[in-house]
Amino acid sequence: MVAKPTKSGIAYYWAPSPHVRDRCPIVPKALGKDYGDAKRYCDEILNPHYRAWLNGEGAPSAEGEAAARGSFDWLVSVYKRSPKFTKLPGDTRSSYDRMLSLVSKFPLKDGRAFGALLLPSITPGAADKLYERVREKPGGGERNKTAVLAMKVCQRAWNVARRSEPKVVPAENPFAKMGLSYKAKPTRPFNYDDLMRFVAAADAAGEASVGTAAMIAFFWLQRLRDILGRLTWSQYRPSGASVAKIFHHKTGEPVDMPLVDEDGSDLWPELTERLDAAPRHGTLIVTRDGIDRLRGIRLPWKYRYFADRVAEIKAVAGIDAEIKFMGLRPGGNTEGGDAGLTDAQLRALSGHRSPNMTILYTQNSMQQRRAAARLRRNSRTKGGQISE
């Protein structure tokens, strides 16, 4: 920051160092005549962005110019520095970040982006109009789920920023009490027959790992991101124990999944036979089936590539394209419901959490899990004759 004399007194300005000015994305800025305001703006906005750029951490948003204090872009930056954001699960942070970016970059009729608006100008009416426009897909149609989530994330960001900066963020949250709701379409479940056709098609394609991942999702009710990147061989029969140590990172819930019943019979015979016979190519249970030519090892699956292969294998297996891989967990839960499992038994297997079921969670036990697994097996095999 530099001070320059003007006809009406001293004024303050900020600019990058001369040797980087021609390539720095942060443009020079007039800061007014109040020293305190000018210095605060430099300390809180401009200099941190400048240092980040010098250190190779990327340029600020809003077309390379630092967000003005008191703007919506500035509010977003306050929220994203808060533990209320940084301590969210990774997938949730990524989703919230996309929603905030969608709103910040949303074009207004005067050519500006929504993020440039000063907070006092964002009224409840403006938020309603924004929602209606965000809901419209650029190519036609509606995106109700995205629009509702975007408004709810904005409401959360406003509340958090208000607690941090009460002198700047207005008390009235324009994104509150919008009366928005979205009823998601139910996920079509994979049933057991679909699963076995899918596994057979994956094996025939030389990608047994895809079939193994599907079995784990259906039988042990684990989410795909946990299966592909976190489930290790050390969690399967650790130290010879007859359990698989499943951990649901989304809920933070550990589940010791029993592998055998009290009489010694297998509870998940299709899956455990497959795992016991599978070669171990590294730490993770599920890795790509081919050896990477450059590294000479079997690499973990990339999520998008895995999804593409799932779609191709489903087509070969004759499974409806509308039935997604995420339908395996609902399929497993549905099998449990059809088998007569109680709510407590279902939660004991799936690791689901609910504020209204906290007390019941404490009752999860190995006995419940064995009983739940036994009912599912017997329902599937009409008494267990096939499994046994």
Protein backbone atom coordinates (compact mmCIF):
# COMPACT_ATOMS: atom_id res chain seq x y z
CA MET A 1 0.00 0.00 0.00
CA VAL A 2 1.29 3.45 -0.87
CA ALA A 3 0.10 6.95 0.04
CA LYS A 4 -0.16 9.60 -2.66
CA PRO A 5 -0.97 13.29 -2.28
CA THR A 6 -4.02 14.51 -4.17
CA LYS A 7 -5.68 17.91 -4.42
CA SER A 8 -8.08 16.93 -1.67
CA GLY A 9 -5.56 15.24 0.61
CA ILE A 10 -3.71 11.93 1.03
CA ALA A 11 -5.17 8.92 -0.76
CA TYR A 12 -4.09 5.28 -0.50
CA TYR A 13 -3.48 2.79 -3.26
CA TRP A 14 -2.39 -0.83 -3.61
CA ALA A 15 -0.46 -2.40 -6.48
CA PRO A 16 1.73 -5.50 -7.04
CA SER A 17 5.50 -5.16 -7.05
CA PRO A 18 6.75 -3.64 -10.33
CA HIS A 19 8.68 -6.78 -11.38
CA VAL A 20 5.50 -8.93 -11.44
CA ARG A 21 2.88 -6.30 -12.26
CA ASP A 22 2.57 -7.28 -15.92
CA ARG A 23 1.59 -10.88 -15.07
CA CYS A 24 -0.08 -10.59 -11.67
CA PRO A 25 -3.85 -11.27 -11.91
CA ILE A 26 -4.57 -8.92 -8.98
CA VAL A 27 -4.99 -5.47 -10.45
CA PRO A 28 -3.99 -2.18 -8.77
CA LYS A 29 -6.74 -0.71 -6.65
CA ALA A 30 -7.64 2.69 -5.17
CA LEU A 31 -8.38 2.33 -1.45
CA GLY A 32 -9.77 5.74 -0.56
CA LYS A 33 -8.57 8.32 2.00
CA ASP A 34 -9.30 6.58 5.28
CA TYR A 35 -6.04 5.01 6.44
CA GLY A 36 -7.68 2.46 8.75
CA ASP A 37 -10.10 1.18 6.11
CA ALA A 38 -7.36 1.07 3.48
CA LYS A 39 -4.95 -0.85 5.68
CA ARG A 40 -7.63 -3.30 6.81
CA TYR A 41 -8.58 -4.01 3.20
CA CYS A 42 -4.93 -4.66 2.34
CA ASP A 43 -4.34 -6.87 5.38
CA GLU A 44 -7.53 -8.92 5.08
CA ILE A 45 -8.10 -9.13 1.32
CA LEU A 46 -5.40 -7.97 -1.06
CA ASN A 47 -2.15 -9.04 0.58
CA PRO A 48 -3.28 -12.60 1.48
CA HIS A 49 -4.39 -13.12 -2.14
CA TYR A 50 -1.13 -11.63 -3.39
CA ARG A 51 1.00 -13.86 -1.16
CA ALA A 52 -1.01 -16.91 -2.24
CA TRP A 53 -0.38 -16.04 -5.88
CA LEU A 54 3.35 -15.52 -5.27
CA ASN A 55 3.49 -18.92 -3.56
CA GLY A 56 1.81 -20.62 -6.49
CA GLU A 57 -1.48 -21.26 -4.73
CA GLY A 58 -3.62 -19.77 -7.46
CA ALA A 59 -5.25 -16.46 -8.14
CA PRO A 60 -8.36 -15.19 -6.37
CA SER A 61 -11.81 -15.56 -7.81
CA ALA A 62 -14.01 -12.93 -9.45
CA GLU A 63 -11.94 -12.65 -12.61
CA GLY A 64 -8.65 -12.26 -10.80
CA GLU A 65 -9.73 -9.34 -8.63
CA ALA A 66 -9.96 -9.74 -4.87
CA ALA A 67 -13.50 -9.88 -3.55
CA ALA A 68 -14.66 -6.56 -2.14
CA ARG A 69 -15.30 -6.59 1.57
CA GLY A 70 -19.03 -6.82 2.16
CA SER A 71 -19.80 -8.52 -1.16
CA PHE A 72 -21.30 -11.98 -1.59
CA ASP A 73 -17.94 -13.29 -2.86
CA TRP A 74 -16.34 -11.97 0.32
CA LEU A 75 -19.03 -13.68 2.42
CA VAL A 76 -18.24 -16.97 0.67
CA SER A 77 -14.55 -16.56 1.47
CA VAL A 78 -15.36 -15.91 5.14
CA TYR A 79 -17.51 -19.05 5.27
CA LYS A 80 -14.92 -21.24 3.53
CA ARG A 81 -12.26 -20.22 6.07
CA SER A 82 -14.56 -21.19 8.94
CA PRO A 83 -14.32 -24.56 10.72
CA LYS A 84 -18.03 -24.91 9.90
CA PHE A 85 -16.82 -25.49 6.34
CA THR A 86 -13.31 -26.87 6.69
CA LYS A 87 -14.39 -29.65 9.08
CA LEU A 88 -17.11 -30.96 6.77
CA PRO A 89 -16.49 -34.33 5.06
CA GLY A 90 -14.58 -34.00 1.81
CA ASP A 91 -17.49 -34.93 -0.44
CA THR A 92 -19.77 -32.46 1.35
CA ARG A 93 -17.18 -29.65 1.06
CA SER A 94 -16.85 -30.34 -2.65
CA SER A 95 -20.62 -30.25 -3.13
CA TYR A 96 -21.01 -27.02 -1.13
CA ASP A 97 -18.15 -25.43 -3.03
CA ARG A 98 -19.82 -26.20 -6.36
CA MET A 99 -23.09 -24.66 -5.17
CA LEU A 100 -21.41 -21.49 -3.91
CA SER A 101 -19.42 -21.16 -7.12
CA LEU A 102 -22.61 -21.58 -9.16
CA VAL A 103 -24.27 -18.74 -7.26
CA SER A 104 -21.21 -16.46 -7.20
CA LYS A 105 -20.66 -16.73 -10.94
CA PHE A 106 -24.33 -16.52 -11.86
CA PRO A 107 -24.71 -13.72 -14.44
CA LEU A 108 -26.99 -10.77 -13.71
CA LYS A 109 -28.86 -8.78 -16.32
CA ASP A 110 -26.47 -5.83 -15.98
CA GLY A 111 -23.47 -8.01 -16.86
CA ARG A 112 -22.12 -8.44 -13.34
CA ALA A 113 -21.86 -11.73 -11.48
CA PHE A 114 -24.06 -12.30 -8.43
CA GLY A 115 -20.93 -12.57 -6.27
CA ALA A 116 -20.13 -8.89 -6.87
CA LEU A 117 -23.34 -7.73 -5.14
CA LEU A 118 -22.98 -6.04 -1.78
CA LEU A 119 -24.77 -7.92 0.98
CA PRO A 120 -27.31 -5.18 1.90
CA SER A 121 -28.60 -5.24 -1.69
CA ILE A 122 -29.43 -8.96 -1.52
CA THR A 123 -33.01 -8.92 -0.29
CA PRO A 124 -35.36 -11.90 0.19
CA GLY A 125 -36.98 -10.91 -3.08
CA ALA A 126 -33.59 -11.00 -4.82
CA ALA A 127 -32.95 -14.46 -3.37
CA ASP A 128 -36.34 -15.66 -4.69
CA LYS A 129 -35.54 -14.37 -8.17
CA LEU A 130 -32.10 -15.98 -8.03
CA TYR A 131 -33.65 -19.33 -7.11
CA GLU A 132 -36.05 -19.20 -10.04
CA ARG A 133 -33.23 -18.42 -12.46
CA VAL A 134 -30.83 -21.02 -11.06
CA ARG A 135 -33.58 -23.62 -11.33
CA GLU A 136 -33.68 -23.18 -15.12
CA LYS A 137 -31.17 -25.32 -16.96
CA PRO A 138 -29.15 -23.38 -19.54
CA GLY A 139 -30.19 -25.86 -22.23
CA GLY A 140 -33.81 -26.07 -21.16
CA GLY A 141 -35.61 -27.97 -18.44
CA GLU A 142 -35.30 -27.66 -14.67
CA ARG A 143 -32.72 -28.58 -12.04
CA ASN A 144 -34.80 -28.41 -8.88
CA LYS A 145 -32.45 -30.40 -6.67
CA THR A 146 -29.46 -28.22 -7.56
CA ALA A 147 -31.39 -24.98 -7.03
CA VAL A 148 -32.72 -26.02 -3.62
CA LEU A 149 -29.29 -27.19 -2.45
CA ALA A 150 -27.66 -23.96 -3.68
CA MET A 151 -30.10 -21.80 -1.69
CA LYS A 152 -29.66 -23.91 1.46
CA VAL A 153 -25.86 -23.69 1.23
CA CYS A 154 -26.12 -19.91 0.76
CA GLN A 155 -28.33 -19.73 3.86
CA ARG A 156 -25.74 -21.66 5.84
CA ALA A 157 -22.86 -19.53 4.55
CA TRP A 158 -24.72 -16.31 5.46
CA ASN A 159 -25.38 -17.52 9.02
CA VAL A 160 -21.76 -18.54 9.58
CA ALA A 161 -20.37 -15.30 8.13
CA ARG A 162 -22.82 -13.26 10.23
CA ARG A 163 -21.43 -14.80 13.44
CA SER A 164 -17.89 -14.01 12.31
CA GLU A 165 -18.52 -10.53 10.88
CA PRO A 166 -21.68 -9.13 12.53
CA LYS A 167 -20.82 -5.53 11.62
CA VAL A 168 -20.66 -6.33 7.91
CA VAL A 169 -23.17 -9.13 7.34
CA PRO A 170 -26.81 -8.00 7.74
CA ALA A 171 -28.85 -9.76 10.40
CA GLU A 172 -31.66 -10.67 8.01
CA ASN A 173 -30.67 -13.74 6.01
CA PRO A 174 -32.38 -13.42 2.60
CA PHE A 175 -31.95 -17.14 1.94
CA ALA A 176 -33.85 -18.14 5.10
CA LYS A 177 -37.52 -19.14 5.15
CA MET A 178 -37.71 -19.59 1.40
CA GLY A 179 -40.04 -22.56 1.87
CA LEU A 180 -38.04 -24.75 -0.50
CA SER A 181 -38.16 -28.51 -0.53
CA TYR A 182 -37.14 -31.24 -2.91
CA LYS A 183 -38.36 -34.80 -2.96
CA ALA A 184 -35.67 -36.95 -4.46
CA LYS A 185 -36.61 -39.75 -6.78
CA PRO A 186 -36.15 -43.10 -5.04
CA THR A 187 -33.02 -44.95 -6.11
CA ARG A 188 -33.88 -48.06 -8.06
CA PRO A 189 -32.35 -50.98 -6.16
CA PHE A 190 -30.15 -53.72 -7.53
CA ASN A 191 -31.71 -57.05 -6.58
CA TYR A 192 -29.80 -60.26 -5.97
CA ASP A 193 -30.40 -61.64 -9.47
CA ASP A 194 -29.21 -58.37 -11.03
CA LEU A 195 -26.11 -58.54 -8.85
CA MET A 196 -25.16 -62.07 -9.88
CA ARG A 197 -25.66 -61.29 -13.58
CA PHE A 198 -23.52 -58.20 -13.17
CA VAL A 199 -20.75 -60.14 -11.39
CA ALA A 200 -20.76 -62.81 -14.09
CA ALA A 201 -20.48 -60.17 -16.82
CA ALA A 202 -17.63 -58.43 -14.98
CA ASP A 203 -15.74 -61.70 -14.60
CA ALA A 204 -16.25 -62.51 -18.27
CA ALA A 205 -14.86 -59.08 -19.18
CA GLY A 206 -11.70 -59.77 -17.17
CA GLU A 207 -12.60 -57.19 -14.53
CA ALA A 208 -13.39 -59.27 -11.49
CA SER A 209 -12.62 -56.34 -9.21
CA VAL A 210 -15.74 -54.55 -10.45
CA GLY A 211 -17.86 -57.55 -9.52
CA THR A 212 -16.17 -57.77 -6.13
CA ALA A 213 -16.93 -54.10 -5.45
CA ALA A 214 -20.57 -54.70 -6.36
CA MET A 215 -20.81 -57.65 -3.96
CA ILE A 216 -19.31 -55.63 -1.11
CA ALA A 217 -21.78 -52.80 -1.71
CA PHE A 218 -24.76 -55.20 -1.79
CA PHE A 219 -23.86 -57.57 1.04
CA TRP A 220 -21.92 -55.32 3.44
CA LEU A 221 -23.75 -52.10 2.49
CA GLN A 222 -20.59 -50.06 2.04
CA ARG A 223 -20.43 -46.92 -0.08
CA LEU A 224 -18.46 -46.95 -3.32
CA ARG A 225 -15.91 -44.33 -2.31
CA ASP A 226 -15.06 -46.37 0.78
CA ILE A 227 -14.78 -49.56 -1.27
CA LEU A 228 -12.51 -48.13 -3.97
CA GLY A 229 -10.15 -46.05 -1.88
CA ARG A 230 -10.28 -47.21 1.73
CA LEU A 231 -11.20 -50.89 2.17
CA THR A 232 -7.96 -52.82 2.78
CA TRP A 233 -7.05 -56.48 3.15
CA SER A 234 -6.06 -55.78 6.76
CA GLN A 235 -9.75 -55.14 7.48
CA TYR A 236 -10.75 -58.58 6.19
CA ARG A 237 -10.34 -61.35 8.78
CA PRO A 238 -7.84 -59.27 10.84
CA SER A 239 -5.59 -61.51 12.94
CA GLY A 240 -7.67 -64.51 11.90
CA ALA A 241 -10.91 -63.13 13.34
CA SER A 242 -14.14 -64.09 11.56
CA VAL A 243 -15.15 -60.48 10.87
CA ALA A 244 -14.63 -57.74 8.31
CA LYS A 245 -13.99 -54.37 9.88
CA ILE A 246 -16.19 -52.03 7.84
CA PHE A 247 -16.00 -48.28 8.40
CA HIS A 248 -18.55 -45.86 6.97
CA HIS A 249 -16.66 -42.58 6.60
CA LYS A 250 -19.79 -40.58 5.80
CA THR A 251 -21.34 -41.37 9.18
CA GLY A 252 -18.16 -42.19 11.10
CA GLU A 253 -19.73 -45.51 12.09
CA PRO A 254 -17.56 -48.67 12.46
CA VAL A 255 -19.17 -52.07 11.92
CA ASP A 256 -17.57 -55.40 12.76
CA MET A 257 -19.29 -57.45 10.08
CA PRO A 258 -19.59 -61.11 11.16
CA LEU A 259 -18.52 -63.61 8.51
CA VAL A 260 -19.73 -66.84 10.15
CA ASP A 261 -22.75 -67.78 12.21
CA GLU A 262 -22.62 -69.31 15.66
CA ASP A 263 -22.69 -72.81 14.11
CA GLY A 264 -19.70 -71.95 11.91
CA SER A 265 -21.64 -71.59 8.63
CA ASP A 266 -20.78 -68.77 6.26
CA LEU A 267 -23.08 -65.75 6.45
CA TRP A 268 -21.91 -64.25 3.15
CA PRO A 269 -20.76 -67.36 1.24
CA GLU A 270 -20.74 -65.78 -2.23
CA LEU A 271 -18.53 -62.90 -1.13
CA THR A 272 -16.20 -64.62 1.34
CA GLU A 273 -15.45 -67.47 -1.10
CA ARG A 274 -14.59 -64.86 -3.71
CA LEU A 275 -12.33 -62.88 -1.39
CA ASP A 276 -10.59 -65.95 0.03
CA ALA A 277 -9.73 -67.07 -3.49
CA ALA A 278 -8.74 -63.62 -4.79
CA PRO A 279 -5.06 -62.73 -5.36
CA ARG A 280 -3.82 -59.82 -3.27
CA HIS A 281 -2.17 -57.16 -5.41
CA GLY A 282 -1.56 -54.55 -2.75
CA THR A 283 -3.07 -52.91 0.29
CA LEU A 284 -6.54 -52.29 -1.16
CA ILE A 285 -8.97 -55.13 -1.72
CA VAL A 286 -10.36 -53.59 -4.91
CA THR A 287 -7.77 -52.50 -7.47
CA ARG A 288 -7.79 -52.39 -11.26
CA ASP A 289 -7.35 -55.80 -12.83
CA GLY A 290 -4.70 -54.87 -15.37
CA ILE A 291 -1.10 -53.96 -14.55
CA ASP A 292 -0.18 -50.34 -15.28
CA ARG A 293 2.49 -50.34 -17.99
CA LEU A 294 4.46 -47.45 -16.52
CA ARG A 295 4.38 -48.35 -12.83
CA GLY A 296 4.20 -52.13 -13.11
CA ILE A 297 1.46 -52.40 -10.46
CA ARG A 298 -2.32 -52.59 -10.27
CA LEU A 299 -3.54 -49.08 -9.52
CA PRO A 300 -6.62 -48.05 -7.54
CA TRP A 301 -9.72 -47.35 -9.58
CA LYS A 302 -10.47 -43.76 -10.50
CA TYR A 303 -14.09 -43.02 -9.66
CA ARG A 304 -15.17 -41.75 -13.09
CA TYR A 305 -13.44 -44.55 -15.00
CA PHE A 306 -14.98 -47.10 -12.68
CA ALA A 307 -18.44 -45.62 -13.32
CA ASP A 308 -17.87 -45.89 -17.08
CA ARG A 309 -16.91 -49.56 -16.79
CA VAL A 310 -19.94 -50.26 -14.60
CA ALA A 311 -22.23 -48.81 -17.28
CA GLU A 312 -20.62 -50.96 -19.97
CA ILE A 313 -20.83 -54.13 -17.87
CA LYS A 314 -24.48 -53.45 -17.00
CA ALA A 315 -25.29 -53.16 -20.69
CA VAL A 316 -23.64 -56.51 -21.41
CA ALA A 317 -25.49 -58.10 -18.49
CA GLY A 318 -28.82 -56.77 -19.75
CA ILE A 319 -29.45 -54.63 -16.65
CA ASP A 320 -31.61 -51.53 -17.03
CA ALA A 321 -29.44 -48.43 -17.43
CA GLU A 322 -31.62 -46.63 -14.86
CA ILE A 323 -30.37 -49.02 -12.16
CA LYS A 324 -27.17 -47.37 -10.93
CA PHE A 325 -24.29 -48.79 -8.91
CA MET A 326 -25.55 -46.72 -5.97
CA GLY A 327 -28.64 -48.93 -6.08
CA LEU A 328 -26.64 -51.83 -4.61
CA ARG A 329 -26.84 -50.53 -1.04
CA PRO A 330 -30.61 -49.89 -1.26
CA GLY A 331 -30.87 -53.33 -2.84
CA GLY A 332 -29.12 -54.93 0.13
CA ASN A 333 -31.29 -53.00 2.58
CA THR A 334 -34.41 -53.98 0.67
CA GLU A 335 -33.39 -57.63 0.86
CA GLY A 336 -33.02 -57.17 4.60
CA GLY A 337 -36.45 -55.58 4.87
CA ASP A 338 -37.99 -58.38 2.83
CA ALA A 339 -36.33 -60.88 5.15
CA GLY A 340 -38.04 -59.32 8.15
CA LEU A 341 -35.09 -57.54 9.76
CA THR A 342 -35.96 -55.06 12.46
CA ASP A 343 -34.86 -51.44 12.23
CA ALA A 344 -32.14 -52.11 14.80
CA GLN A 345 -30.85 -55.11 12.84
CA LEU A 346 -30.74 -53.13 9.60
CA ARG A 347 -28.81 -50.32 11.26
CA ALA A 348 -26.49 -52.81 12.92
CA LEU A 349 -25.46 -53.99 9.45
CA SER A 350 -25.53 -50.73 7.50
CA GLY A 351 -24.01 -48.26 9.96
CA HIS A 352 -26.77 -45.74 9.27
CA ARG A 353 -27.18 -42.93 11.81
CA SER A 354 -30.21 -40.85 12.69
CA PRO A 355 -30.70 -38.26 15.45
CA ASN A 356 -33.93 -40.02 16.42
CA MET A 357 -32.22 -43.40 16.66
CA THR A 358 -29.19 -42.48 18.77
CA ILE A 359 -30.32 -44.55 21.76
CA LEU A 360 -31.02 -47.56 19.57
CA TYR A 361 -27.51 -47.35 18.13
CA THR A 362 -26.06 -48.27 21.49
CA GLN A 363 -27.85 -51.60 21.25
CA ASN A 364 -25.96 -52.71 18.14
CA SER A 365 -24.31 -56.01 18.91
CA MET A 366 -22.61 -59.00 17.28
CA GLN A 367 -25.68 -61.06 18.14
CA GLN A 368 -27.90 -58.64 16.20
CA ARG A 369 -25.54 -58.73 13.25
CA ARG A 370 -25.41 -62.51 13.15
CA ALA A 371 -29.20 -62.69 13.37
CA ALA A 372 -29.57 -60.07 10.63
CA ALA A 373 -27.09 -61.78 8.35
CA ARG A 374 -28.70 -65.17 9.00
CA LEU A 375 -32.15 -63.85 8.05
CA ARG A 376 -30.83 -62.33 4.84
CA ARG A 377 -28.99 -65.51 3.87
CA ASN A 378 -31.97 -67.72 4.64
CA SER A 379 -34.34 -65.48 2.73
CA ARG A 380 -32.07 -65.52 -0.29
CA THR A 381 -31.45 -69.26 -0.28
CA LYS A 382 -34.87 -70.39 0.96
CA GLY A 383 -33.65 -71.68 4.26
CA GLY A 384 -29.93 -71.64 3.72
CA GLN A 385 -29.65 -74.94 1.84
CA ILE A 386 -27.69 -73.39 -1.05
CA SER A 387 -25.30 -71.49 1.21
CA GLU A 388 -24.77 -74.43 3.50
